[in-house]
PDB file of N, CA and C in Angstrom:
ATOM      1  N   MET A   1     109.577 108.306 126.087  1.00  0.00           N
ATOM      2  CA  MET A   1     109.287 108.674 124.901  1.00  0.00           C
ATOM      3  C   MET A   1     108.043 108.880 124.544  1.00  0.00           C
ATOM      4  N   LYS A   2     107.395 109.976 124.472  1.00  0.00           N
ATOM      5  CA  LYS A   2     105.483 109.460 124.609  1.00  0.00           C
ATOM      6  C   LYS A   2     105.296 109.001 123.370  1.00  0.00           C
ATOM      7  N   ILE A   3     104.514 108.182 123.254  1.00  0.00           N
ATOM      8  CA  ILE A   3     103.930 106.992 121.963  1.00  0.00           C
ATOM      9  C   ILE A   3     102.363 107.692 121.135  1.00  0.00           C
ATOM     10  N   ILE A   4     102.558 107.421 120.126  1.00  0.00           N
ATOM     11  CA  ILE A   4     101.304 107.690 118.956  1.00  0.00           C
ATOM     12  C   ILE A   4     100.920 106.312 118.888  1.00  0.00           C
ATOM     13  N   SER A   5      99.728 106.115 118.546  1.00  0.00           N
ATOM     14  CA  SER A   5      99.449 104.714 118.109  1.00  0.00           C
ATOM     15  C   SER A   5      98.948 105.320 116.637  1.00  0.00           C
ATOM     16  N   PHE A   6      99.348 104.814 115.744  1.00  0.00           N
ATOM     17  CA  PHE A   6      98.428 105.104 114.341  1.00  0.00           C
ATOM     18  C   PHE A   6      97.351 103.842 114.004  1.00  0.00           C
ATOM     19  N   ALA A   7      97.538 103.006 114.243  1.00  0.00           N
ATOM     20  CA  ALA A   7      96.321 101.593 114.320  1.00  0.00           C
ATOM     21  C   ALA A   7      96.351 101.561 112.679  1.00  0.00           C
ATOM     22  N   TRP A   8      95.073 102.342 112.511  1.00  0.00           N
ATOM     23  CA  TRP A   8      94.195 102.045 110.716  1.00  0.00           C
ATOM     24  C   TRP A   8      94.797 102.915 109.487  1.00  0.00           C
ATOM     25  N   THR A   9      95.909 104.035 110.270  1.00  0.00           N
ATOM     26  CA  THR A   9      96.712 104.328 109.206  1.00  0.00           C
ATOM     27  C   THR A   9      98.052 104.270 109.155  1.00  0.00           C
ATOM     28  N   THR A  10      99.136 103.485 109.548  1.00  0.00           N
ATOM     29  CA  THR A  10      99.889 102.997 109.907  1.00  0.00           C
ATOM     30  C   THR A  10     100.685 103.126 108.443  1.00  0.00           C
ATOM     31  N   PRO A  11     100.069 102.203 107.209  1.00  0.00           N
ATOM     32  CA  PRO A  11      99.941 101.647 106.316  1.00  0.00           C
ATOM     33  C   PRO A  11     101.042 102.950 105.435  1.00  0.00           C
ATOM     34  N   ALA A  12      99.843 104.305 105.573  1.00  0.00           N
ATOM     35  CA  ALA A  12     100.094 105.404 105.188  1.00  0.00           C
ATOM     36  C   ALA A  12     101.117 106.173 105.847  1.00  0.00           C
ATOM     37  N   LEU A  13     101.530 106.229 106.931  1.00  0.00           N
ATOM     38  CA  LEU A  13     102.662 106.476 107.884  1.00  0.00           C
ATOM     39  C   LEU A  13     104.264 105.637 107.481  1.00  0.00           C
ATOM     40  N   LEU A  14     103.996 104.619 106.750  1.00  0.00           N
ATOM     41  CA  LEU A  14     105.413 104.105 106.726  1.00  0.00           C
ATOM     42  C   LEU A  14     105.549 104.197 105.156  1.00  0.00           C
ATOM     43  N   ALA A  15     104.631 104.505 104.496  1.00  0.00           N
ATOM     44  CA  ALA A  15     104.906 104.880 102.879  1.00  0.00           C
ATOM     45  C   ALA A  15     105.189 106.340 102.797  1.00  0.00           C
ATOM     46  N   GLY A  16     105.191 107.346 103.771  1.00  0.00           N
ATOM     47  CA  GLY A  16     105.495 108.544 103.769  1.00  0.00           C
ATOM     48  C   GLY A  16     104.469 109.303 103.327  1.00  0.00           C
ATOM     49  N   ALA A  17     102.995 108.844 103.261  1.00  0.00           N
ATOM     50  CA  ALA A  17     101.951 109.938 102.733  1.00  0.00           C
ATOM     51  C   ALA A  17     101.516 110.240 104.190  1.00  0.00           C
ATOM     52  N   LYS A  18     101.596 110.284 105.029  1.00  0.00           N
ATOM     53  CA  LYS A  18     100.709 111.145 106.065  1.00  0.00           C
ATOM     54  C   LYS A  18     101.968 111.865 107.003  1.00  0.00           C
ATOM     55  N   THR A  19     101.401 113.349 107.139  1.00  0.00           N
ATOM     56  CA  THR A  19     102.625 114.131 108.068  1.00  0.00           C
ATOM     57  C   THR A  19     101.484 114.960 109.304  1.00  0.00           C
ATOM     58  N   VAL A  20     100.327 114.265 109.687  1.00  0.00           N
ATOM     59  CA  VAL A  20      99.707 114.436 110.657  1.00  0.00           C
ATOM     60  C   VAL A  20      98.797 113.926 110.868  1.00  0.00           C
ATOM     61  N   THR A  21      98.590 113.741 112.640  1.00  0.00           N
ATOM     62  CA  THR A  21      97.152 113.437 112.727  1.00  0.00           C
ATOM     63  C   THR A  21      96.391 113.763 114.109  1.00  0.00           C
ATOM     64  N   ARG A  22      95.167 113.832 113.970  1.00  0.00           N
ATOM     65  CA  ARG A  22      94.091 114.216 114.450  1.00  0.00           C
ATOM     66  C   ARG A  22      93.130 113.029 115.823  1.00  0.00           C
ATOM     67  N   ARG A  23      93.380 113.917 117.058  1.00  0.00           N
ATOM     68  CA  ARG A  23      93.204 113.167 118.187  1.00  0.00           C
ATOM     69  C   ARG A  23      92.331 113.939 118.919  1.00  0.00           C
ATOM     70  N   GLU A  24      91.195 113.353 120.095  1.00  0.00           N
ATOM     71  CA  GLU A  24      90.041 113.604 120.780  1.00  0.00           C
ATOM     72  C   GLU A  24      90.745 113.276 121.756  1.00  0.00           C
ATOM     73  N   TRP A  25      92.179 114.115 122.349  1.00  0.00           N
ATOM     74  CA  TRP A  25      92.799 114.275 123.837  1.00  0.00           C
ATOM     75  C   TRP A  25      92.225 115.014 124.351  1.00  0.00           C
ATOM     76  N   SER A  26      92.322 114.675 125.539  1.00  0.00           N
ATOM     77  CA  SER A  26      91.942 115.864 126.646  1.00  0.00           C
ATOM     78  C   SER A  26      93.222 117.199 126.558  1.00  0.00           C
ATOM     79  N   ASP A  27      92.970 118.096 127.193  1.00  0.00           N
ATOM     80  CA  ASP A  27      93.364 119.259 127.025  1.00  0.00           C
ATOM     81  C   ASP A  27      94.477 118.879 127.536  1.00  0.00           C
ATOM     82  N   ARG A  28      94.722 118.427 129.238  1.00  0.00           N
ATOM     83  CA  ARG A  28      95.440 118.480 129.657  1.00  0.00           C
ATOM     84  C   ARG A  28      96.655 117.418 129.030  1.00  0.00           C
ATOM     85  N   TYR A  29      96.118 116.082 128.251  1.00  0.00           N
ATOM     86  CA  TYR A  29      96.880 115.371 127.776  1.00  0.00           C
ATOM     87  C   TYR A  29      97.662 116.231 126.500  1.00  0.00           C
ATOM     88  N   ALA A  30      97.161 116.444 125.567  1.00  0.00           N
ATOM     89  CA  ALA A  30      97.602 117.783 124.609  1.00  0.00           C
ATOM     90  C   ALA A  30      98.571 118.322 125.117  1.00  0.00           C
ATOM     91  N   ARG A  31      98.783 119.024 126.298  1.00  0.00           N
ATOM     92  CA  ARG A  31      99.531 119.952 126.282  1.00  0.00           C
ATOM     93  C   ARG A  31     100.631 119.657 126.659  1.00  0.00           C
ATOM     94  N   THR A  32     101.048 118.218 126.871  1.00  0.00           N
ATOM     95  CA  THR A  32     102.394 117.775 127.408  1.00  0.00           C
ATOM     96  C   THR A  32     102.914 117.058 125.903  1.00  0.00           C
ATOM     97  N   PHE A  33     102.674 117.477 124.976  1.00  0.00           N
ATOM     98  CA  PHE A  33     102.921 117.675 123.437  1.00  0.00           C
ATOM     99  C   PHE A  33     103.335 118.837 123.155  1.00  0.00           C
ATOM    100  N   HIS A  34     104.630 118.818 122.503  1.00  0.00           N
ATOM    101  CA  HIS A  34     105.435 120.174 121.880  1.00  0.00           C
ATOM    102  C   HIS A  34     106.141 120.187 120.757  1.00  0.00           C
ATOM    103  N   ARG A  35     106.169 121.276 119.864  1.00  0.00           N
ATOM    104  CA  ARG A  35     106.816 121.433 119.027  1.00  0.00           C
ATOM    105  C   ARG A  35     108.336 120.718 119.370  1.00  0.00           C
ATOM    106  N   GLY A  36     108.969 120.097 118.333  1.00  0.00           N
ATOM    107  CA  GLY A  36     110.339 119.371 118.469  1.00  0.00           C
ATOM    108  C   GLY A  36     110.480 118.248 119.315  1.00  0.00           C
ATOM    109  N   ASP A  37     109.534 117.532 119.942  1.00  0.00           N
ATOM    110  CA  ASP A  37     109.473 116.274 120.629  1.00  0.00           C
ATOM    111  C   ASP A  37     109.352 115.255 119.980  1.00  0.00           C
ATOM    112  N   LEU A  38     110.415 114.348 120.126  1.00  0.00           N
ATOM    113  CA  LEU A  38     110.453 113.082 119.489  1.00  0.00           C
ATOM    114  C   LEU A  38     109.327 112.099 119.695  1.00  0.00           C
ATOM    115  N   VAL A  39     108.644 111.415 119.234  1.00  0.00           N
ATOM    116  CA  VAL A  39     107.248 110.742 119.489  1.00  0.00           C
ATOM    117  C   VAL A  39     107.743 108.907 118.970  1.00  0.00           C
ATOM    118  N   ALA A  40     107.499 108.013 119.618  1.00  0.00           N
ATOM    119  CA  ALA A  40     107.503 106.804 119.466  1.00  0.00           C
ATOM    120  C   ALA A  40     106.065 106.688 118.222  1.00  0.00           C
ATOM    121  N   ALA A  41     105.868 106.195 116.941  1.00  0.00           N
ATOM    122  CA  ALA A  41     105.124 105.801 116.469  1.00  0.00           C
ATOM    123  C   ALA A  41     104.981 104.118 116.713  1.00  0.00           C
ATOM    124  N   TYR A  42     103.491 104.008 116.992  1.00  0.00           N
ATOM    125  CA  TYR A  42     102.965 102.441 117.304  1.00  0.00           C
ATOM    126  C   TYR A  42     102.211 102.052 115.939  1.00  0.00           C
ATOM    127  N   ASP A  43     101.948 100.801 115.525  1.00  0.00           N
ATOM    128  CA  ASP A  43     100.804 100.022 114.401  1.00  0.00           C
ATOM    129  C   ASP A  43      99.723 100.170 115.474  1.00  0.00           C
ATOM    130  N   ARG A  44      99.916  99.799 116.320  1.00  0.00           N
ATOM    131  CA  ARG A  44      98.895 100.176 117.855  1.00  0.00           C
ATOM    132  C   ARG A  44      99.171 100.229 119.005  1.00  0.00           C
ATOM    133  N   ASN A  45      97.969  99.774 120.003  1.00  0.00           N
ATOM    134  CA  ASN A  45      98.361 100.887 121.360  1.00  0.00           C
ATOM    135  C   ASN A  45      99.054  99.337 121.765  1.00  0.00           C
ATOM    136  N   PRO A  46     100.326  99.589 122.322  1.00  0.00           N
ATOM    137  CA  PRO A  46     100.878  99.130 122.967  1.00  0.00           C
ATOM    138  C   PRO A  46     100.864  98.143 123.700  1.00  0.00           C
ATOM    139  N   ARG A  47      99.328  98.160 124.774  1.00  0.00           N
ATOM    140  CA  ARG A  47      98.528  97.421 125.562  1.00  0.00           C
ATOM    141  C   ARG A  47      98.016  96.212 124.644  1.00  0.00           C
ATOM    142  N   ALA A  48      97.847  96.618 123.574  1.00  0.00           N
ATOM    143  CA  ALA A  48      97.102  95.576 122.670  1.00  0.00           C
ATOM    144  C   ALA A  48      98.222  94.664 121.994  1.00  0.00           C
ATOM    145  N   HIS A  49      99.419  95.128 122.270  1.00  0.00           N
ATOM    146  CA  HIS A  49     100.644  94.275 121.155  1.00  0.00           C
ATOM    147  C   HIS A  49     101.238  94.817 120.297  1.00  0.00           C
ATOM    148  N   GLY A  50     101.118  96.395 120.618  1.00  0.00           N
ATOM    149  CA  GLY A  50     101.672  97.122 119.544  1.00  0.00           C
ATOM    150  C   GLY A  50     103.110  96.981 119.088  1.00  0.00           C
ATOM    151  N   LYS A  51     103.714  97.360 118.493  1.00  0.00           N
ATOM    152  CA  LYS A  51     104.838  97.119 117.812  1.00  0.00           C
ATOM    153  C   LYS A  51     105.332  99.053 116.955  1.00  0.00           C
ATOM    154  N   GLN A  52     106.274  99.379 117.988  1.00  0.00           N
ATOM    155  CA  GLN A  52     106.912 100.671 117.256  1.00  0.00           C
ATOM    156  C   GLN A  52     107.525 100.169 116.119  1.00  0.00           C
ATOM    157  N   VAL A  53     107.086 101.135 115.133  1.00  0.00           N
ATOM    158  CA  VAL A  53     107.466 101.426 113.563  1.00  0.00           C
ATOM    159  C   VAL A  53     107.856 102.338 113.336  1.00  0.00           C
ATOM    160  N   GLY A  54     108.412 103.634 114.201  1.00  0.00           N
ATOM    161  CA  GLY A  54     109.495 103.903 113.647  1.00  0.00           C
ATOM    162  C   GLY A  54     109.250 105.656 114.882  1.00  0.00           C
ATOM    163  N   VAL A  55     109.734 106.461 114.449  1.00  0.00           N
ATOM    164  CA  VAL A  55     110.087 107.882 115.592  1.00  0.00           C
ATOM    165  C   VAL A  55     109.507 109.074 114.651  1.00  0.00           C
ATOM    166  N   ILE A  56     108.417 109.992 115.166  1.00  0.00           N
ATOM    167  CA  ILE A  56     108.433 111.196 114.438  1.00  0.00           C
ATOM    168  C   ILE A  56     108.809 112.029 115.468  1.00  0.00           C
ATOM    169  N   GLU A  57     108.895 113.738 114.509  1.00  0.00           N
ATOM    170  CA  GLU A  57     108.954 114.683 115.501  1.00  0.00           C
ATOM    171  C   GLU A  57     107.604 115.601 114.799  1.00  0.00           C
ATOM    172  N   LEU A  58     107.277 116.060 116.049  1.00  0.00           N
ATOM    173  CA  LEU A  58     106.404 117.425 115.994  1.00  0.00           C
ATOM    174  C   LEU A  58     106.948 118.290 115.096  1.00  0.00           C
ATOM    175  N   THR A  59     106.323 119.087 114.326  1.00  0.00           N
ATOM    176  CA  THR A  59     106.907 120.268 113.887  1.00  0.00           C
ATOM    177  C   THR A  59     106.290 121.435 114.220  1.00  0.00           C
ATOM    178  N   ARG A  60     104.891 121.270 114.908  1.00  0.00           N
ATOM    179  CA  ARG A  60     104.877 122.531 115.499  1.00  0.00           C
ATOM    180  C   ARG A  60     103.632 121.267 116.531  1.00  0.00           C
ATOM    181  N   ASP A  61     103.347 122.700 117.583  1.00  0.00           N
ATOM    182  CA  ASP A  61     102.931 122.509 118.980  1.00  0.00           C
ATOM    183  C   ASP A  61     101.078 122.196 118.505  1.00  0.00           C
ATOM    184  N   PRO A  62     101.056 121.128 118.847  1.00  0.00           N
ATOM    185  CA  PRO A  62      99.213 121.138 118.837  1.00  0.00           C
ATOM    186  C   PRO A  62      98.549 122.167 118.828  1.00  0.00           C
ATOM    187  N   TYR A  63      97.422 121.767 118.236  1.00  0.00           N
ATOM    188  CA  TYR A  63      96.513 123.527 118.375  1.00  0.00           C
ATOM    189  C   TYR A  63      95.184 122.494 118.120  1.00  0.00           C
ATOM    190  N   GLN A  64      94.272 123.015 118.253  1.00  0.00           N
ATOM    191  CA  GLN A  64      92.682 122.283 117.987  1.00  0.00           C
ATOM    192  C   GLN A  64      91.838 122.977 116.883  1.00  0.00           C
ATOM    193  N   GLU A  65      91.177 122.036 116.509  1.00  0.00           N
ATOM    194  CA  GLU A  65      90.273 122.381 114.928  1.00  0.00           C
ATOM    195  C   GLU A  65      89.141 121.656 115.077  1.00  0.00           C
ATOM    196  N   GLN A  66      87.690 122.644 114.540  1.00  0.00           N
ATOM    197  CA  GLN A  66      86.801 121.980 114.360  1.00  0.00           C
ATOM    198  C   GLN A  66      86.833 120.583 113.384  1.00  0.00           C
ATOM    199  N   LEU A  67      87.192 119.029 113.222  1.00  0.00           N
ATOM    200  CA  LEU A  67      87.283 118.660 112.090  1.00  0.00           C
ATOM    201  C   LEU A  67      86.176 119.000 110.915  1.00  0.00           C
ATOM    202  N   GLY A  68      85.074 119.346 111.061  1.00  0.00           N
ATOM    203  CA  GLY A  68      84.425 120.085 110.230  1.00  0.00           C
ATOM    204  C   GLY A  68      84.906 121.144 109.808  1.00  0.00           C
ATOM    205  N   MET A  69      85.646 121.537 110.169  1.00  0.00           N
ATOM    206  CA  MET A  69      86.485 123.139 109.557  1.00  0.00           C
ATOM    207  C   MET A  69      87.454 122.738 108.815  1.00  0.00           C
ATOM    208  N   THR A  70      88.156 121.183 109.173  1.00  0.00           N
ATOM    209  CA  THR A  70      89.451 121.245 108.187  1.00  0.00           C
ATOM    210  C   THR A  70      89.616 121.283 106.866  1.00  0.00           C
ATOM    211  N   PRO A  71      90.821 121.908 106.630  1.00  0.00           N
ATOM    212  CA  PRO A  71      90.663 122.178 104.777  1.00  0.00           C
ATOM    213  C   PRO A  71      90.655 120.910 104.256  1.00  0.00           C
ATOM    214  N   ALA A  72      90.274 120.872 103.181  1.00  0.00           N
ATOM    215  CA  ALA A  72      89.833 119.525 101.938  1.00  0.00           C
ATOM    216  C   ALA A  72      91.634 119.282 101.721  1.00  0.00           C
ATOM    217  N   GLU A  73      92.353 119.944 101.628  1.00  0.00           N
ATOM    218  CA  GLU A  73      93.917 119.140 101.568  1.00  0.00           C
ATOM    219  C   GLU A  73      94.097 118.367 102.786  1.00  0.00           C
ATOM    220  N   GLU A  74      93.966 118.656 103.618  1.00  0.00           N
ATOM    221  CA  GLU A  74      93.773 117.765 105.073  1.00  0.00           C
ATOM    222  C   GLU A  74      93.910 116.056 104.887  1.00  0.00           C
ATOM    223  N   PHE A  75      92.807 115.953 103.675  1.00  0.00           N
ATOM    224  CA  PHE A  75      92.479 114.299 103.261  1.00  0.00           C
ATOM    225  C   PHE A  75      93.804 113.684 102.893  1.00  0.00           C
ATOM    226  N   ASP A  76      94.671 114.617 102.005  1.00  0.00           N
ATOM    227  CA  ASP A  76      95.835 114.198 101.403  1.00  0.00           C
ATOM    228  C   ASP A  76      97.073 113.788 102.472  1.00  0.00           C
ATOM    229  N   HIS A  77      97.137 114.637 103.796  1.00  0.00           N
ATOM    230  CA  HIS A  77      97.970 114.990 104.784  1.00  0.00           C
ATOM    231  C   HIS A  77      97.791 113.743 105.781  1.00  0.00           C
ATOM    232  N   GLU A  78      96.546 113.571 105.676  1.00  0.00           N
ATOM    233  CA  GLU A  78      96.064 112.331 106.990  1.00  0.00           C
ATOM    234  C   GLU A  78      96.380 110.960 106.182  1.00  0.00           C
ATOM    235  N   GLY A  79      97.089 111.075 105.058  1.00  0.00           N
ATOM    236  CA  GLY A  79      97.462 109.739 104.199  1.00  0.00           C
ATOM    237  C   GLY A  79      96.358 109.089 103.881  1.00  0.00           C
ATOM    238  N   LEU A  80      95.008 109.908 104.131  1.00  0.00           N
ATOM    239  CA  LEU A  80      93.807 108.963 103.744  1.00  0.00           C
ATOM    240  C   LEU A  80      93.542 108.732 102.233  1.00  0.00           C
ATOM    241  N   ALA A  81      93.946 109.626 101.358  1.00  0.00           N
ATOM    242  CA  ALA A  81      93.965 109.933 100.108  1.00  0.00           C
ATOM    243  C   ALA A  81      94.893 108.510  99.530  1.00  0.00           C
ATOM    244  N   TRP A  82      96.418 108.644  99.975  1.00  0.00           N
ATOM    245  CA  TRP A  82      96.815 107.404  99.743  1.00  0.00           C
ATOM    246  C   TRP A  82      96.618 106.229 100.020  1.00  0.00           C
ATOM    247  N   MET A  83      95.823 106.204 101.045  1.00  0.00           N
ATOM    248  CA  MET A  83      94.935 104.736 101.698  1.00  0.00           C
ATOM    249  C   MET A  83      93.728 104.610 100.400  1.00  0.00           C
ATOM    250  N   GLU A  84      93.012 104.942 100.073  1.00  0.00           N
ATOM    251  CA  GLU A  84      91.871 105.296  99.112  1.00  0.00           C
ATOM    252  C   GLU A  84      92.187 104.944  97.695  1.00  0.00           C
ATOM    253  N   LYS A  85      93.569 105.231  97.309  1.00  0.00           N
ATOM    254  CA  LYS A  85      93.604 104.770  96.163  1.00  0.00           C
ATOM    255  C   LYS A  85      94.159 103.503  95.841  1.00  0.00           C
ATOM    256  N   ARG A  86      94.705 102.894  96.985  1.00  0.00           N
ATOM    257  CA  ARG A  86      95.300 101.645  97.069  1.00  0.00           C
ATOM    258  C   ARG A  86      93.741 100.745  97.764  1.00  0.00           C
ATOM    259  N   GLY A  87      92.697 101.197  97.765  1.00  0.00           N
ATOM    260  CA  GLY A  87      91.649 100.370  98.321  1.00  0.00           C
ATOM    261  C   GLY A  87      91.777  99.919  99.803  1.00  0.00           C
ATOM    262  N   LEU A  88      92.625 100.446 100.629  1.00  0.00           N
ATOM    263  CA  LEU A  88      92.773 100.074 101.980  1.00  0.00           C
ATOM    264  C   LEU A  88      91.266 100.807 102.517  1.00  0.00           C
ATOM    265  N   THR A  89      90.852  99.913 103.868  1.00  0.00           N
ATOM    266  CA  THR A  89      89.680 101.067 104.119  1.00  0.00           C
ATOM    267  C   THR A  89      89.829 100.565 105.730  1.00  0.00           C
ATOM    268  N   MET A  90      89.016 101.101 106.591  1.00  0.00           N
ATOM    269  CA  MET A  90      88.812 101.722 107.775  1.00  0.00           C
ATOM    270  C   MET A  90      88.325 100.848 108.379  1.00  0.00           C
ATOM    271  N   PRO A  91      88.075 101.004 109.831  1.00  0.00           N
ATOM    272  CA  PRO A  91      87.407 100.037 110.700  1.00  0.00           C
ATOM    273  C   PRO A  91      85.998  99.603 110.007  1.00  0.00           C
ATOM    274  N   GLY A  92      85.553  98.354 110.203  1.00  0.00           N
ATOM    275  CA  GLY A  92      84.176  98.585 109.889  1.00  0.00           C
ATOM    276  C   GLY A  92      83.962  98.381 107.754  1.00  0.00           C
ATOM    277  N   GLY A  93      85.289  98.405 107.207  1.00  0.00           N
ATOM    278  CA  GLY A  93      85.008  98.401 105.843  1.00  0.00           C
ATOM    279  C   GLY A  93      85.150  99.208 105.247  1.00  0.00           C
ATOM    280  N   VAL A  94      84.667 100.546 106.160  1.00  0.00           N
ATOM    281  CA  VAL A  94      84.332 101.990 105.271  1.00  0.00           C
ATOM    282  C   VAL A  94      85.425 102.630 104.344  1.00  0.00           C
ATOM    283  N   SER A  95      85.652 103.019 103.577  1.00  0.00           N
ATOM    284  CA  SER A  95      86.751 103.488 102.859  1.00  0.00           C
ATOM    285  C   SER A  95      86.954 104.935 103.363  1.00  0.00           C
ATOM    286  N   PRO A  96      88.665 105.060 103.398  1.00  0.00           N
ATOM    287  CA  PRO A  96      89.082 106.498 103.886  1.00  0.00           C
ATOM    288  C   PRO A  96      87.680 107.202 103.724  1.00  0.00           C
ATOM    289  N   LEU A  97      87.529 107.890 102.696  1.00  0.00           N
ATOM    290  CA  LEU A  97      86.803 108.814 102.223  1.00  0.00           C
ATOM    291  C   LEU A  97      85.260 109.070 102.934  1.00  0.00           C
ATOM    292  N   GLU A  98      84.713 108.055 102.751  1.00  0.00           N
ATOM    293  CA  GLU A  98      83.289 107.959 103.840  1.00  0.00           C
ATOM    294  C   GLU A  98      83.786 108.296 105.233  1.00  0.00           C
ATOM    295  N   PHE A  99      84.974 107.645 105.792  1.00  0.00           N
ATOM    296  CA  PHE A  99      85.337 107.885 106.994  1.00  0.00           C
ATOM    297  C   PHE A  99      85.513 109.526 107.213  1.00  0.00           C
ATOM    298  N   TRP A 100      86.552 109.946 106.671  1.00  0.00           N
ATOM    299  CA  TRP A 100      86.622 111.675 106.484  1.00  0.00           C
ATOM    300  C   TRP A 100      85.392 112.200 106.519  1.00  0.00           C
ATOM    301  N   ARG A 101      84.533 111.848 105.506  1.00  0.00           N
ATOM    302  CA  ARG A 101      83.599 112.424 105.690  1.00  0.00           C
ATOM    303  C   ARG A 101      82.335 112.505 107.240  1.00  0.00           C
ATOM    304  N   ALA A 102      82.033 110.995 107.731  1.00  0.00           N
ATOM    305  CA  ALA A 102      81.767 110.863 108.149  1.00  0.00           C
ATOM    306  C   ALA A 102      82.353 111.793 109.906  1.00  0.00           C
ATOM    307  N   GLY A 103      83.362 111.960 110.051  1.00  0.00           N
ATOM    308  CA  GLY A 103      84.018 112.539 110.371  1.00  0.00           C
ATOM    309  C   GLY A 103      83.852 113.898 110.887  1.00  0.00           C
ATOM    310  N   ARG A 104      83.935 114.439 109.435  1.00  0.00           N
ATOM    311  CA  ARG A 104      83.504 116.006 109.448  1.00  0.00           C
ATOM    312  C   ARG A 104      81.776 116.628 109.651  1.00  0.00           C
ATOM    313  N   ARG A 105      81.336 115.454 109.419  1.00  0.00           N
ATOM    314  CA  ARG A 105      79.562 115.409 109.784  1.00  0.00           C
ATOM    315  C   ARG A 105      79.517 115.887 111.233  1.00  0.00           C
ATOM    316  N   GLU A 106      80.450 114.768 111.982  1.00  0.00           N
ATOM    317  CA  GLU A 106      80.271 114.456 113.025  1.00  0.00           C
ATOM    318  C   GLU A 106      80.722 115.976 113.805  1.00  0.00           C
ATOM    319  N   ASP A 107      81.803 116.592 113.178  1.00  0.00           N
ATOM    320  CA  ASP A 107      82.421 117.579 113.539  1.00  0.00           C
ATOM    321  C   ASP A 107      83.039 118.094 115.431  1.00  0.00           C
ATOM    322  N   PRO A 108      83.893 116.624 115.301  1.00  0.00           N
ATOM    323  CA  PRO A 108      84.394 117.008 116.829  1.00  0.00           C
ATOM    324  C   PRO A 108      85.403 118.283 116.760  1.00  0.00           C
ATOM    325  N   LEU A 109      86.016 118.512 118.103  1.00  0.00           N
ATOM    326  CA  LEU A 109      86.844 119.274 118.476  1.00  0.00           C
ATOM    327  C   LEU A 109      88.064 118.330 118.600  1.00  0.00           C
ATOM    328  N   VAL A 110      89.276 118.699 117.710  1.00  0.00           N
ATOM    329  CA  VAL A 110      90.287 117.816 117.872  1.00  0.00           C
ATOM    330  C   VAL A 110      91.934 118.358 118.022  1.00  0.00           C
ATOM    331  N   TRP A 111      92.571 118.095 118.442  1.00  0.00           N
ATOM    332  CA  TRP A 111      93.813 118.420 118.423  1.00  0.00           C
ATOM    333  C   TRP A 111      94.582 117.475 117.360  1.00  0.00           C
ATOM    334  N   VAL A 112      95.179 118.558 116.622  1.00  0.00           N
ATOM    335  CA  VAL A 112      96.055 118.788 115.339  1.00  0.00           C
ATOM    336  C   VAL A 112      97.883 118.188 115.643  1.00  0.00           C
ATOM    337  N   GLY A 113      98.079 117.603 115.622  1.00  0.00           N
ATOM    338  CA  GLY A 113      99.165 117.490 115.589  1.00  0.00           C
ATOM    339  C   GLY A 113     100.336 117.275 114.399  1.00  0.00           C
ATOM    340  N   PRO A 114     101.011 118.015 113.418  1.00  0.00           N
ATOM    341  CA  PRO A 114     101.839 118.082 112.319  1.00  0.00           C
ATOM    342  C   PRO A 114     102.977 117.647 112.875  1.00  0.00           C
ATOM    343  N   PHE A 115     103.627 116.645 111.995  1.00  0.00           N
ATOM    344  CA  PHE A 115     104.700 115.934 112.114  1.00  0.00           C
ATOM    345  C   PHE A 115     105.853 115.777 111.038  1.00  0.00           C
ATOM    346  N   ARG A 116     106.620 115.284 111.136  1.00  0.00           N
ATOM    347  CA  ARG A 116     107.624 114.524 110.067  1.00  0.00           C
ATOM    348  C   ARG A 116     108.315 113.778 110.486  1.00  0.00           C
ATOM    349  N   VAL A 117     108.105 112.276 109.750  1.00  0.00           N
ATOM    350  CA  VAL A 117     109.036 111.166 110.022  1.00  0.00           C
ATOM    351  C   VAL A 117     110.547 111.301 110.171  1.00  0.00           C
ATOM    352  N   VAL A 118     111.151 110.825 111.356  1.00  0.00           N
ATOM    353  CA  VAL A 118     112.629 110.851 111.468  1.00  0.00           C
ATOM    354  C   VAL A 118     113.145 109.511 111.313  1.00  0.00           C
ATOM    355  N   SER A 119     112.279 108.297 111.425  1.00  0.00           N
ATOM    356  CA  SER A 119     113.177 107.256 111.379  1.00  0.00           C
ATOM    357  C   SER A 119     111.892 106.116 110.834  1.00  0.00           C
ATOM    358  N   LEU A 120     111.898 105.133 110.372  1.00  0.00           N
ATOM    359  CA  LEU A 120     111.135 103.846 110.636  1.00  0.00           C
ATOM    360  C   LEU A 120     111.954 102.605 110.844  1.00  0.00           C
ATOM    361  N   GLU A 121     110.957 101.749 111.625  1.00  0.00           N
ATOM    362  CA  GLU A 121     112.021 100.437 111.703  1.00  0.00           C
ATOM    363  C   GLU A 121     111.773  99.613 110.955  1.00  0.00           C
ATOM    364  N   GLN A 122     112.909  98.674 110.574  1.00  0.00           N
ATOM    365  CA  GLN A 122     112.851  97.634 109.505  1.00  0.00           C
ATOM    366  C   GLN A 122     111.598  96.919 109.397  1.00  0.00           C
ATOM    367  N   GLN A 123     110.926  96.472 107.896  1.00  0.00           N
ATOM    368  CA  GLN A 123     110.194  95.626 108.367  1.00  0.00           C
ATOM    369  C   GLN A 123     110.187  94.354 107.953  1.00  0.00           C
ATOM    370  N   LEU A 124     109.345  93.492 108.651  1.00  0.00           N
ATOM    371  CA  LEU A 124     109.984  92.337 108.624  1.00  0.00           C
ATOM    372  C   LEU A 124     109.335  91.619 107.692  1.00  0.00           C
TER     373      LEU A 124
END
């Protein structure tokens, strides 16, 4: 089973507030993911002692998008609005809203992977 690490947005994933991920994957790697794939969701990279927190199912083949052209409602779908409301921060103590705005200004070409949560591991 393939793995996606959610790292900074794991709390939003676990709360059911995150339904899409955006990644700067290589084209070759991104094309290994397909609609219907079950993917292990990790709290961080397994090589960094990450733990599996659940399983997601891709609801669409990943597609490319310029981050600066991302529709405003995707802030919610990324789980960032949920994190912002709870005062959670991104690396460096940056708010989710500032993280979102900075990404849109940088405007990289990203792969977008919509998903649904299939299962979550029991929380300890």
